[in-house]
């Protein structure tokens, strides 16, 4: 995957913790650790956005929609 360089600023204490993790070989480099942290954060944000949007749904209405197509005779369904 193509990558681009970015410059970031962080607190000295945070950078020291990051360097310790790299030194302990939890990550191969600062860049890789930061990249994984950003990716993980973006995934979490997407999940919370999905949860917020899902909470807006009316469960009874959604159930009625799901059940609409199931009112026919089950014998009419094709065999798989």
Protein backbone atom coordinates (compact mmCIF):
# COMPACT_ATOMS: atom_id res chain seq x y z
CA UNK A 1 0.00 0.00 0.00
CA UNK A 2 1.41 3.44 -0.88
CA UNK A 3 2.39 5.58 2.07
CA UNK A 4 3.06 9.26 2.65
CA UNK A 5 5.19 10.97 5.24
CA UNK A 6 3.60 13.24 7.82
CA UNK A 7 5.04 15.23 10.67
CA UNK A 8 3.38 15.10 14.06
CA UNK A 9 3.92 16.77 17.40
CA UNK A 10 3.43 14.94 20.67
CA UNK A 11 4.21 15.38 24.32
CA UNK A 12 7.66 14.27 25.48
CA UNK A 13 6.12 11.81 27.93
CA UNK A 14 4.09 10.15 25.16
CA UNK A 15 7.11 9.97 22.89
CA UNK A 16 9.17 8.40 25.69
CA UNK A 17 6.52 5.69 26.16
CA UNK A 18 6.45 5.10 22.41
CA UNK A 19 10.23 4.81 22.27
CA UNK A 20 10.13 2.33 25.17
CA UNK A 21 7.68 0.15 23.25
CA UNK A 22 9.94 0.23 20.19
CA UNK A 23 12.97 -0.57 22.35
CA UNK A 24 11.09 -3.54 23.84
CA UNK A 25 10.35 -4.62 20.24
CA UNK A 26 6.59 -4.35 20.63
CA UNK A 27 6.79 -2.36 17.38
CA UNK A 28 9.55 -2.29 14.76
CA UNK A 29 9.54 1.51 14.61
CA UNK A 30 7.86 4.68 15.81
CA UNK A 31 6.19 5.00 12.42
CA UNK A 32 4.66 1.54 12.57
CA UNK A 33 3.39 2.07 16.12
CA UNK A 34 1.76 5.38 15.22
CA UNK A 35 0.31 3.97 12.01
CA UNK A 36 -1.32 1.06 13.87
CA UNK A 37 -2.64 3.39 16.58
CA UNK A 38 -4.27 5.69 14.02
CA UNK A 39 -5.78 2.76 12.10
CA UNK A 40 -7.17 1.27 15.32
CA UNK A 41 -8.68 4.61 16.32
CA UNK A 42 -10.35 5.02 12.93
CA UNK A 43 -11.89 1.54 13.19
CA UNK A 44 -13.24 2.37 16.66
CA UNK A 45 -14.71 5.64 15.40
CA UNK A 46 -16.45 3.79 12.57
CA UNK A 47 -17.90 1.30 15.05
CA UNK A 48 -19.24 3.99 17.35
CA UNK A 49 -20.74 5.81 14.37
CA UNK A 50 -22.51 2.59 13.36
CA UNK A 51 -23.77 2.12 16.92
CA UNK A 52 -25.09 5.69 17.04
CA UNK A 53 -26.88 5.27 13.72
CA UNK A 54 -28.26 1.86 14.70
CA UNK A 55 -29.64 3.33 17.92
CA UNK A 56 -31.82 5.63 15.81
CA UNK A 57 -33.66 2.67 14.29
CA UNK A 58 -37.09 1.63 15.52
CA UNK A 59 -36.76 -2.11 16.32
CA UNK A 60 -40.47 -2.82 15.84
CA UNK A 61 -40.55 -1.12 12.44
CA UNK A 62 -37.39 -2.91 11.34
CA UNK A 63 -38.83 -6.26 12.45
CA UNK A 64 -42.02 -5.62 10.46
CA UNK A 65 -39.93 -4.86 7.39
CA UNK A 66 -37.91 -8.04 7.87
CA UNK A 67 -41.06 -10.13 8.32
CA UNK A 68 -42.86 -8.71 5.25
CA UNK A 69 -41.38 -11.19 2.81
CA UNK A 70 -41.91 -14.18 5.11
CA UNK A 71 -45.71 -14.23 5.03
CA UNK A 72 -45.86 -16.59 2.04
CA UNK A 73 -45.99 -20.35 2.30
CA UNK A 74 -42.61 -21.82 3.13
CA UNK A 75 -43.27 -24.64 0.64
CA UNK A 76 -42.87 -22.09 -2.14
CA UNK A 77 -39.25 -21.48 -1.24
CA UNK A 78 -36.74 -23.19 -3.54
CA UNK A 79 -34.59 -26.01 -2.18
CA UNK A 80 -30.88 -25.38 -2.00
